[in-house]
Amino acid sequence: MNVALQPVSHELELTREFNAHRERVFAAWTDPEQAVRWWMPQEWTLVSCRMDLRPGGGWHRRMRGRDGSVVSKWGEYREIVSPMRLVFTYNTEFADGTVDAETLVTVAFEDLGGRTRLTLRHEAFGSEAASLSHAGGWTGALDSLVQLTSAAPQGL
């Protein structure tokens, strides 16, 4: 009997509510000037952030850790439905040159009448350890995003 084994795919899902309009929260994900203020784990510094916001366009950011190491992250936008949904690939190159397998991120923005529920799903991790590591990074980044959007004017 031949048996094909399917690789285990680990994923994470995080949900946050923001005291900001959906358009405001979506803009923080799609404007590089805003992304540099929140899109990194706690205690990291964003060195650069570029975005070509269109299906097939890319994003790239470099972060520096407290120890001085630099990590690069990049991907391609697969779907952009303003202000409801973003889907993009996600790659990581660590300071030692190792590169994680590509994963997929889907971010949904639900309108709650002046507030926003964000659901982030990051999938196709090769290990539970990779999933847990990203959960910590995303949690810190989303904490910063909550602060950014609550401090911003509600014009958006």
Protein backbone atom coordinates (compact mmCIF):
# COMPACT_ATOMS: atom_id res chain seq x y z
CA MET A 1 0.00 0.00 0.00
CA ASN A 2 1.34 3.44 -0.94
CA VAL A 3 0.61 6.24 1.50
CA ALA A 4 1.28 9.88 0.69
CA LEU A 5 2.00 11.88 3.80
CA GLN A 6 0.83 15.47 3.85
CA PRO A 7 3.09 17.95 5.62
CA VAL A 8 1.64 19.45 8.76
CA SER A 9 0.75 23.11 8.25
CA HIS A 10 0.73 25.19 11.39
CA GLU A 11 -1.20 28.44 11.50
CA LEU A 12 -2.17 31.21 13.84
CA GLU A 13 -5.18 33.45 14.09
CA LEU A 14 -5.34 36.67 16.09
CA THR A 15 -8.33 38.98 16.56
CA ARG A 16 -8.24 42.53 17.84
CA GLU A 17 -10.81 45.28 18.18
CA PHE A 18 -9.81 48.87 17.49
CA ASN A 19 -11.50 52.06 18.62
CA ALA A 20 -11.09 53.45 15.11
CA HIS A 21 -12.97 53.35 11.82
CA ARG A 22 -12.18 50.49 9.47
CA GLU A 23 -10.74 52.86 6.86
CA ARG A 24 -8.29 54.22 9.45
CA VAL A 25 -7.07 50.76 10.48
CA PHE A 26 -6.80 49.64 6.83
CA ALA A 27 -4.77 52.77 6.00
CA ALA A 28 -2.29 51.93 8.76
CA TRP A 29 -1.63 48.62 6.96
CA THR A 30 -1.27 50.15 3.51
CA ASP A 31 0.59 53.44 4.04
CA PRO A 32 4.36 52.99 4.55
CA GLU A 33 4.56 56.19 6.62
CA GLN A 34 2.16 54.65 9.12
CA ALA A 35 3.51 51.09 8.87
CA VAL A 36 6.98 52.21 10.03
CA ARG A 37 5.37 53.25 13.30
CA TRP A 38 3.88 49.87 14.23
CA TRP A 39 4.74 46.93 11.89
CA MET A 40 7.48 45.24 13.92
CA PRO A 41 7.71 43.20 17.11
CA GLN A 42 8.16 45.05 20.39
CA GLU A 43 11.77 46.08 21.08
CA TRP A 44 12.69 46.03 17.37
CA THR A 45 13.37 49.05 15.16
CA LEU A 46 12.11 49.28 11.61
CA VAL A 47 15.03 50.21 9.35
CA SER A 48 13.09 50.42 6.08
CA CYS A 49 9.62 49.78 4.73
CA ARG A 50 8.48 49.78 1.09
CA MET A 51 5.07 48.92 -0.31
CA ASP A 52 3.77 48.61 -3.86
CA LEU A 53 0.12 48.26 -2.97
CA ARG A 54 -1.47 46.38 -5.87
CA PRO A 55 -2.10 42.72 -6.63
CA GLY A 56 1.28 41.39 -7.73
CA GLY A 57 3.06 44.31 -6.06
CA GLY A 58 5.55 43.69 -3.32
CA TRP A 59 6.30 44.79 0.18
CA HIS A 60 9.66 44.73 1.95
CA ARG A 61 10.84 45.73 5.39
CA ARG A 62 14.03 45.40 7.39
CA MET A 63 14.13 45.35 11.18
CA ARG A 64 16.96 45.66 13.68
CA GLY A 65 16.89 43.81 16.98
CA ARG A 66 18.32 45.05 20.26
CA ASP A 67 21.42 42.93 19.61
CA GLY A 68 22.01 44.77 16.30
CA SER A 69 21.00 41.86 14.06
CA VAL A 70 18.97 42.73 10.97
CA VAL A 71 16.07 40.62 9.71
CA SER A 72 14.40 41.12 6.32
CA LYS A 73 10.74 40.40 5.62
CA TRP A 74 9.07 40.57 2.21
CA GLY A 75 6.18 39.30 0.17
CA GLU A 76 3.72 39.89 -2.62
CA TYR A 77 0.21 41.26 -2.37
CA ARG A 78 -2.26 38.69 -3.65
CA GLU A 79 -5.54 40.47 -2.86
CA ILE A 80 -6.44 44.02 -1.84
CA VAL A 81 -10.07 44.87 -1.18
CA SER A 82 -10.10 48.29 0.44
CA PRO A 83 -10.99 48.63 3.31
CA MET A 84 -12.05 45.02 3.96
CA ARG A 85 -9.25 42.58 3.22
CA LEU A 86 -5.54 42.13 2.53
CA VAL A 87 -3.86 38.90 1.45
CA PHE A 88 -0.10 38.69 1.01
CA THR A 89 2.77 36.23 1.05
CA TYR A 90 5.29 36.47 3.87
CA ASN A 91 8.98 35.57 3.78
CA THR A 92 11.69 36.01 6.39
CA GLU A 93 15.47 36.09 6.06
CA PHE A 94 17.29 35.98 9.38
CA ALA A 95 20.59 37.69 10.19
CA ASP A 96 22.48 34.40 9.70
CA GLY A 97 21.16 34.12 6.12
CA THR A 98 18.61 31.37 6.72
CA VAL A 99 15.26 31.89 5.02
CA ASP A 100 11.93 30.54 6.24
CA ALA A 101 9.54 28.89 3.82
CA GLU A 102 6.97 31.28 2.38
CA THR A 103 3.75 31.65 4.37
CA LEU A 104 0.44 33.42 3.70
CA VAL A 105 -1.23 36.22 5.67
CA THR A 106 -4.90 37.20 5.40
CA VAL A 107 -6.13 40.27 7.27
CA ALA A 108 -9.86 40.96 7.47
CA PHE A 109 -11.24 44.32 8.65
CA GLU A 110 -14.81 44.18 9.97
CA ASP A 111 -16.79 47.40 10.42
CA LEU A 112 -18.35 47.62 13.88
CA GLY A 113 -19.95 51.04 13.43
CA GLY A 114 -17.01 53.33 14.18
CA ARG A 115 -14.91 50.51 15.61
CA THR A 116 -13.06 47.76 13.75
CA ARG A 117 -12.54 44.07 14.37
CA LEU A 118 -9.32 42.87 12.74
CA THR A 119 -8.74 39.17 12.20
CA LEU A 120 -5.25 38.14 11.13
CA ARG A 121 -4.67 34.62 9.87
CA HIS A 122 -1.07 33.57 9.17
CA GLU A 123 -0.79 30.08 7.71
CA ALA A 124 1.50 27.46 6.22
CA PHE A 125 4.21 27.50 8.88
CA GLY A 126 6.55 24.55 8.73
CA SER A 127 6.62 24.10 12.49
CA GLU A 128 4.74 24.97 15.63
CA ALA A 129 7.82 26.88 16.84
CA ALA A 130 7.68 29.16 13.78
CA SER A 131 3.97 29.76 14.35
CA LEU A 132 4.54 30.61 18.02
CA SER A 133 7.43 32.94 17.18
CA HIS A 134 5.27 34.86 14.71
CA ALA A 135 2.38 34.95 17.20
CA GLY A 136 4.63 36.85 19.60
CA GLY A 137 5.79 39.25 16.87
CA TRP A 138 2.28 39.90 15.58
CA THR A 139 0.94 40.41 19.12
CA GLY A 140 3.52 43.12 19.83
CA ALA A 141 2.93 44.76 16.46
CA LEU A 142 -0.84 44.78 16.92
CA ASP A 143 -0.39 46.34 20.38
CA SER A 144 1.51 49.16 18.66
CA LEU A 145 -1.19 49.42 15.97
CA VAL A 146 -3.87 49.83 18.66
CA GLN A 147 -1.88 52.72 20.13
CA LEU A 148 -1.31 54.32 16.73
CA THR A 149 -4.95 54.18 15.62
CA SER A 150 -6.37 55.31 18.96
CA ALA A 151 -4.01 58.32 19.00
CA ALA A 152 -4.86 59.34 15.44
CA PRO A 153 -7.67 61.70 14.47
CA GLN A 154 -10.83 59.86 13.52
CA GLY A 155 -11.16 61.60 10.16
CA LEU A 156 -10.43 58.25 8.51
